[in-house]
Protein backbone atom coordinates (compact mmCIF):
# COMPACT_ATOMS: atom_id res chain seq x y z
CA MET A 1 -19.59 -11.95 2.32
CA HIS A 2 -22.55 -12.82 4.51
CA ARG A 3 -25.80 -11.22 3.39
CA ASP A 4 -26.82 -10.48 7.01
CA ALA A 5 -23.51 -8.82 7.88
CA SER A 6 -23.81 -5.52 9.72
CA PRO A 7 -22.42 -2.34 8.11
CA ARG A 8 -19.54 -2.39 10.60
CA THR A 9 -18.69 -6.00 9.74
CA THR A 10 -18.92 -5.24 6.03
CA ALA A 11 -16.54 -2.31 6.46
CA ARG A 12 -14.08 -4.52 8.36
CA ILE A 13 -14.24 -7.18 5.66
CA LEU A 14 -13.55 -4.62 2.95
CA LEU A 15 -10.64 -3.21 4.99
CA ALA A 16 -9.25 -6.72 5.47
CA PHE A 17 -9.41 -7.37 1.72
CA PHE A 18 -7.63 -4.05 1.12
CA CYS A 19 -4.87 -5.04 3.58
CA VAL A 20 -4.37 -8.52 2.12
CA TYR A 21 -4.37 -7.31 -1.47
CA LEU A 22 -2.16 -4.27 -0.92
CA PHE A 23 0.21 -5.43 1.83
CA TRP A 24 0.90 -8.89 0.44
CA GLY A 25 1.10 -7.64 -3.14
CA SER A 26 3.42 -4.77 -2.22
CA SER A 27 5.58 -7.10 -0.10
CA PHE A 28 7.09 -8.52 -3.28
CA VAL A 29 8.20 -5.03 -4.27
CA ALA A 30 9.59 -4.35 -0.78
CA ILE A 31 11.48 -7.66 -0.86
CA ARG A 32 12.87 -6.91 -4.33
CA PHE A 33 14.09 -3.51 -3.11
CA THR A 34 15.54 -4.74 0.20
CA VAL A 35 17.45 -7.82 -0.98
CA GLN A 36 19.50 -5.68 -3.36
CA GLN A 37 21.32 -4.35 -0.27
CA ILE A 38 20.77 -6.98 2.44
CA HIS A 39 21.43 -10.74 2.27
CA PRO A 40 18.13 -12.52 1.38
CA ALA A 41 18.23 -14.81 4.43
CA THR A 42 19.03 -11.88 6.72
CA VAL A 43 15.99 -9.99 5.40
CA ALA A 44 13.78 -13.01 6.07
CA GLY A 45 15.24 -13.50 9.55
CA LEU A 46 14.82 -9.88 10.61
CA ARG A 47 11.31 -9.76 9.18
CA TYR A 48 10.03 -12.77 11.08
CA CYS A 49 11.96 -12.15 14.29
CA ILE A 50 10.57 -8.60 14.49
CA ALA A 51 7.04 -9.79 13.66
CA GLY A 52 7.34 -12.70 16.11
CA LEU A 53 8.61 -10.48 18.95
CA LEU A 54 5.84 -7.93 18.39
CA LEU A 55 3.24 -10.70 18.41
CA LEU A 56 4.85 -12.21 21.52
CA ALA A 57 4.71 -8.86 23.31
CA TRP A 58 1.06 -8.41 22.33
CA LEU A 59 0.16 -11.86 23.66
CA LEU A 60 1.98 -11.23 26.96
CA VAL A 61 0.28 -7.85 27.42
CA ARG A 62 -3.07 -9.58 26.96
CA GLY A 63 -2.10 -12.16 29.57
CA VAL A 64 -2.01 -15.07 27.12
CA SER A 65 0.31 -17.92 28.08
CA VAL A 66 2.96 -18.44 25.40
CA ARG A 67 4.22 -21.74 26.80
CA ILE A 68 3.91 -24.75 24.50
CA THR A 69 4.38 -28.46 25.07
CA ARG A 70 7.39 -30.38 23.78
CA ARG A 71 5.17 -32.09 21.21
CA ASP A 72 3.88 -28.73 19.98
CA LEU A 73 7.45 -27.39 19.87
CA ILE A 74 8.55 -30.18 17.55
CA ARG A 75 5.63 -29.57 15.20
CA VAL A 76 6.03 -25.80 15.33
CA THR A 77 9.72 -26.12 14.53
CA GLY A 78 9.05 -28.33 11.51
CA LEU A 79 6.40 -25.99 10.13
CA GLY A 80 8.50 -22.92 10.88
CA LEU A 81 11.47 -24.35 9.00
CA LEU A 82 9.30 -25.32 6.06
CA MET A 83 7.19 -22.17 5.74
CA PHE A 84 9.24 -19.35 7.27
CA ALA A 85 12.73 -20.57 6.42
CA CYS A 86 12.72 -22.70 3.26
CA ASN A 87 9.94 -20.78 1.54
CA THR A 88 11.04 -17.26 2.34
CA VAL A 89 14.79 -17.70 1.91
CA LEU A 90 14.29 -19.17 -1.56
CA LEU A 91 11.74 -16.46 -2.42
CA ASN A 92 14.10 -13.71 -1.26
CA TYR A 93 17.01 -15.25 -3.18
CA ALA A 94 14.95 -15.30 -6.36
CA ALA A 95 13.94 -11.68 -5.75
CA THR A 96 17.58 -10.63 -6.09
CA ILE A 97 17.36 -11.69 -9.75
CA LEU A 98 13.74 -11.61 -10.91
CA PRO A 99 11.25 -8.70 -11.12
CA ALA A 100 8.71 -8.39 -8.31
CA GLY A 101 5.71 -9.15 -10.56
CA PHE A 102 7.38 -12.23 -12.04
CA THR A 103 8.20 -13.49 -8.53
CA ALA A 104 4.64 -12.94 -7.30
CA LEU A 105 3.23 -14.70 -10.35
CA ILE A 106 5.21 -17.89 -9.80
CA ILE A 107 4.48 -17.85 -6.05
CA SER A 108 0.78 -17.65 -6.94
CA THR A 109 1.03 -21.32 -7.99
CA ILE A 110 0.73 -22.31 -4.31
CA PRO A 111 -2.99 -23.26 -4.68
CA LEU A 112 -2.01 -25.50 -7.62
CA PHE A 113 0.48 -27.39 -5.41
CA VAL A 114 -2.11 -27.60 -2.62
CA ALA A 115 -4.55 -29.16 -5.11
CA LEU A 116 -1.89 -31.73 -6.00
CA LEU A 117 -0.98 -32.51 -2.37
CA ASN A 118 -4.45 -32.69 -0.83
CA PRO A 119 -5.61 -35.98 -2.43
CA SER A 120 -2.43 -37.74 -1.24
CA LEU A 121 -3.38 -37.28 2.41
CA PRO A 122 -6.07 -39.13 4.38
CA GLU A 123 -9.44 -37.46 4.94
CA SER A 124 -8.95 -35.20 1.95
CA GLY A 125 -11.35 -34.59 -0.86
CA ARG A 126 -10.20 -35.49 -4.36
CA THR A 127 -9.65 -32.59 -6.68
CA SER A 128 -12.53 -32.30 -9.12
CA PRO A 129 -11.99 -32.83 -12.88
CA VAL A 130 -12.17 -29.07 -13.41
CA GLY A 131 -9.59 -28.57 -10.69
CA ARG A 132 -7.25 -31.18 -12.21
CA ILE A 133 -7.50 -29.55 -15.63
CA ALA A 134 -6.83 -26.15 -14.06
CA VAL A 135 -3.69 -27.49 -12.33
CA CYS A 136 -2.37 -28.68 -15.69
CA THR A 137 -3.14 -25.39 -17.44
CA GLY A 138 -1.58 -23.49 -14.54
CA PHE A 139 1.77 -25.21 -14.91
CA LEU A 140 1.40 -24.90 -18.68
CA GLY A 141 1.10 -21.16 -18.12
CA ILE A 142 4.38 -21.18 -16.17
CA PHE A 143 6.02 -23.07 -19.04
CA VAL A 144 4.65 -20.57 -21.59
CA LEU A 145 5.88 -17.71 -19.43
CA LEU A 146 9.39 -19.13 -19.07
CA GLU A 147 9.63 -20.35 -22.68
CA ARG A 148 8.63 -17.04 -24.21
CA THR A 149 10.88 -15.11 -21.85
CA PHE A 150 13.77 -17.47 -22.59
CA ARG A 151 13.19 -17.17 -26.33
CA SER A 152 13.26 -13.39 -26.04
CA GLY A 153 16.66 -13.61 -24.39
CA ALA A 154 15.46 -12.12 -21.09
CA LEU A 155 15.64 -15.41 -19.17
CA THR A 156 19.28 -16.19 -18.41
CA ARG A 157 20.58 -19.36 -16.77
CA GLU A 158 20.70 -17.50 -13.45
CA ALA A 159 17.10 -16.39 -13.85
CA LEU A 160 16.03 -19.94 -14.73
CA ILE A 161 17.61 -21.24 -11.50
CA ALA A 162 15.83 -18.47 -9.57
CA SER A 163 12.52 -19.48 -11.19
CA ALA A 164 13.08 -23.09 -10.15
CA ALA A 165 13.83 -21.88 -6.61
CA LEU A 166 10.49 -20.05 -6.59
CA LEU A 167 8.63 -23.20 -7.56
CA VAL A 168 10.36 -25.06 -4.70
CA ALA A 169 9.42 -22.19 -2.38
CA ALA A 170 5.78 -22.38 -3.51
CA PHE A 171 5.78 -26.15 -2.95
CA ALA A 172 7.29 -25.72 0.54
CA TRP A 173 4.55 -23.29 1.57
CA ALA A 174 1.84 -25.48 0.04
CA LEU A 175 3.15 -28.55 1.89
CA GLY A 176 3.34 -26.57 5.12
CA SER A 177 -0.22 -25.30 4.61
CA VAL A 178 -1.57 -28.80 4.06
CA LEU A 179 0.30 -30.18 7.09
CA LEU A 180 -0.73 -27.22 9.23
CA ARG A 181 -4.37 -27.79 8.34
CA ARG A 182 -4.10 -31.32 9.74
CA THR A 183 -1.96 -30.54 12.78
CA HIS A 184 -3.67 -30.08 16.13
CA PHE A 185 -1.86 -28.01 18.75
CA THR A 186 -2.49 -27.73 22.45
CA ALA A 187 -1.63 -24.03 22.44
CA ALA A 188 -3.68 -21.27 20.79
CA GLU A 189 -3.25 -20.58 17.08
CA LEU A 190 -1.57 -17.19 17.53
CA VAL A 191 0.85 -18.67 20.08
CA THR A 192 2.00 -21.40 17.71
CA THR A 193 2.20 -18.87 14.86
CA CYS A 194 4.39 -16.66 17.05
CA TRP A 195 6.82 -19.49 17.74
CA GLN A 196 6.86 -20.52 14.08
CA MET A 197 7.94 -16.98 13.18
CA LEU A 198 10.59 -16.79 15.88
CA ILE A 199 12.09 -20.21 15.16
CA GLY A 200 11.99 -19.78 11.38
CA GLY A 201 13.36 -16.23 11.67
CA ALA A 202 16.21 -17.34 13.95
CA VAL A 203 17.23 -20.04 11.47
CA ASP A 204 17.09 -17.48 8.64
CA LEU A 205 19.41 -15.17 10.58
CA VAL A 206 21.87 -18.00 11.18
CA ILE A 207 21.89 -18.78 7.45
CA GLY A 208 22.34 -15.11 6.60
CA PHE A 209 25.19 -14.58 9.05
CA SER A 210 26.88 -17.82 7.97
CA TYR A 211 26.99 -16.63 4.37
CA GLY A 212 28.37 -13.18 5.09
CA GLY A 213 25.09 -11.41 5.62
CA THR A 214 26.66 -8.91 8.01
CA GLN A 215 29.59 -7.96 5.80
CA SER A 216 27.60 -7.77 2.57
CA SER A 217 24.73 -5.69 4.01
CA HIS A 218 24.44 -1.99 3.25
CA TRP A 219 21.98 -0.34 5.60
CA SER A 220 20.17 2.92 5.02
CA MET A 221 17.02 4.58 6.32
CA SER A 222 14.99 3.36 3.32
CA ILE A 223 16.22 -0.23 3.75
CA SER A 224 15.41 -0.18 7.48
CA LEU A 225 11.92 1.14 6.79
CA SER A 226 11.43 -1.53 4.13
CA VAL A 227 12.31 -4.30 6.61
CA LEU A 228 9.91 -2.81 9.16
CA TYR A 229 7.21 -2.61 6.48
CA LEU A 230 7.66 -6.30 5.70
CA ALA A 231 7.48 -7.22 9.39
CA ILE A 232 4.57 -5.01 10.46
CA PHE A 233 2.42 -4.70 7.35
CA GLY A 234 3.49 -7.60 5.12
CA THR A 235 3.49 -10.13 7.96
CA LEU A 236 1.40 -9.06 10.97
CA ALA A 237 -1.26 -6.88 9.32
CA GLY A 238 -1.55 -9.04 6.20
CA TYR A 239 -1.73 -12.31 8.12
CA THR A 240 -4.25 -11.15 10.74
CA SER A 241 -6.42 -9.63 8.01
CA TYR A 242 -6.39 -12.93 6.14
CA VAL A 243 -7.34 -14.88 9.26
CA TYR A 244 -10.22 -12.43 9.81
CA LEU A 245 -11.41 -13.02 6.25
CA LEU A 246 -11.31 -16.79 6.75
CA ARG A 247 -13.72 -16.37 9.67
CA ASN A 248 -16.12 -14.08 7.83
CA VAL A 249 -16.14 -14.98 4.12
CA PRO A 250 -15.91 -18.26 2.16
CA VAL A 251 -12.39 -19.64 1.80
CA ALA A 252 -12.59 -19.34 -2.00
CA THR A 253 -13.37 -15.65 -1.64
CA ALA A 254 -10.56 -15.02 0.83
CA ALA A 255 -8.12 -16.92 -1.38
CA THR A 256 -8.61 -14.45 -4.23
CA TYR A 257 -5.35 -12.90 -2.98
CA ALA A 258 -3.59 -15.57 -5.04
CA TYR A 259 -4.56 -13.91 -8.30
CA VAL A 260 -4.76 -10.31 -7.12
CA ASN A 261 -1.32 -10.08 -5.46
CA PRO A 262 0.66 -10.72 -8.69
CA ILE A 263 -1.23 -7.93 -10.45
CA VAL A 264 -0.59 -5.55 -7.55
CA ALA A 265 3.09 -6.55 -7.45
CA MET A 266 3.48 -6.13 -11.20
CA LEU A 267 1.86 -2.69 -11.24
CA LEU A 268 3.83 -1.46 -8.20
CA GLY A 269 7.04 -2.89 -9.61
CA TRP A 270 6.31 -1.03 -12.81
CA ALA A 271 5.64 2.22 -10.91
CA PHE A 272 8.43 2.16 -8.31
CA LEU A 273 11.14 -0.14 -9.71
CA SER A 274 10.73 0.56 -13.44
CA GLU A 275 10.02 -3.14 -14.07
CA ALA A 276 7.84 -2.87 -17.15
CA PRO A 277 6.27 -6.29 -17.88
CA GLY A 278 6.70 -7.68 -21.38
CA SER A 279 4.03 -9.29 -23.53
CA SER A 280 5.17 -12.78 -22.49
CA GLN A 281 4.53 -11.93 -18.85
CA TRP A 282 0.99 -10.78 -19.59
CA VAL A 283 0.25 -13.99 -21.54
CA GLY A 284 1.66 -16.21 -18.82
CA MET A 285 -0.07 -14.19 -16.12
CA VAL A 286 -3.49 -14.58 -17.73
CA ILE A 287 -3.08 -18.36 -18.07
CA VAL A 288 -1.68 -18.91 -14.58
CA LEU A 289 -4.11 -16.65 -12.73
CA ALA A 290 -7.14 -18.02 -14.58
CA SER A 291 -6.00 -21.53 -13.62
CA VAL A 292 -5.46 -20.53 -9.99
CA ALA A 293 -8.94 -18.98 -9.88
CA ALA A 294 -10.44 -22.20 -11.27
CA VAL A 295 -8.58 -24.36 -8.74
CA ILE A 296 -9.66 -22.17 -5.81
CA ARG A 297 -13.30 -22.27 -6.86
CA ALA A 298 -13.41 -25.96 -7.88
CA LYS A 299 -15.25 -28.06 -5.29
CA PRO A 300 -13.67 -31.36 -4.20
CA GLU A 301 -15.41 -34.59 -5.14
CA ARG A 302 -15.55 -35.54 -1.46
CA THR A 303 -15.70 -32.96 1.34
CA PRO A 304 -12.65 -33.21 3.60
CA VAL A 305 -12.91 -33.25 7.38
CA GLU A 306 -13.23 -29.71 8.67
CA SER A 307 -10.16 -28.31 10.38
CA PRO A 308 -9.62 -25.01 12.18
CA ALA A 309 -6.15 -24.32 10.86
CA VAL A 310 -5.34 -21.77 8.18
CA GLU A 311 -4.66 -22.81 4.59
CA LEU A 312 -3.23 -21.01 1.59
CA SER A 313 -1.70 -18.01 3.34
CA PRO A 314 1.76 -17.15 2.15
CA ILE A 315 3.15 -14.29 4.26
CA SER A 316 4.97 -12.74 1.33
């Protein structure tokens, strides 16, 4: 937080942190609740289509042109499929099997994957020795978490597959974040984000409907409200709050969501879904989150070229 920030700016920053911590952390609980009754891909599709349409309407009301070039459309489609389709569908599938806190913990490995991917691209700073060690301990923490859970008999073959799907989902978002940071669009950032949501959401709906999402869905008032919560609060409010933080606080400070969200998700899952975490989860959580914190705060050996795009922001 800037030392010369006005009281109003300070209040907005604190509110933005509250939104990112609470809305993104609670999204894992909302997803866990919703996918028990609605096909995982259908949930993702509805969430992003609703959020995308609301953002589109807001842009049109403000007189912002939402037209994009063919080149931008190709890039937006690729990023939308990677981040809003691949990532979220796999995350939602895993949430049908795994507790909300467990899901959030594995997804928190996104900064570890970003640290692995960054040095492989041009104009990127190499991860520092501390960062490289933290990446190793982070994945060691995931192994400890899975091994102890498996040894206790709580991790079935189905749960192991779901855990692997979560790691793929985390990698997909990390890859999309790195590519997005190095992609330059002609259109404004919110316009391209809007089209990413709409395209990714439409693909999610097609996947959901193709696999019987309509027939297998059981709608109720609570399920409908949960989907709206994910669209309005988990996606729009959480994302815009995070973008505001990126403009007003250091990236490392804004990225603290990565090790706060799993704690919020675990506590809320415990309170509302009766998902009491075991001792193995606490051990794994401490190792993983400490490693994520070290990676986020580790400075690269060479400063990468500055880019205006957003990094490390999973809309969970």
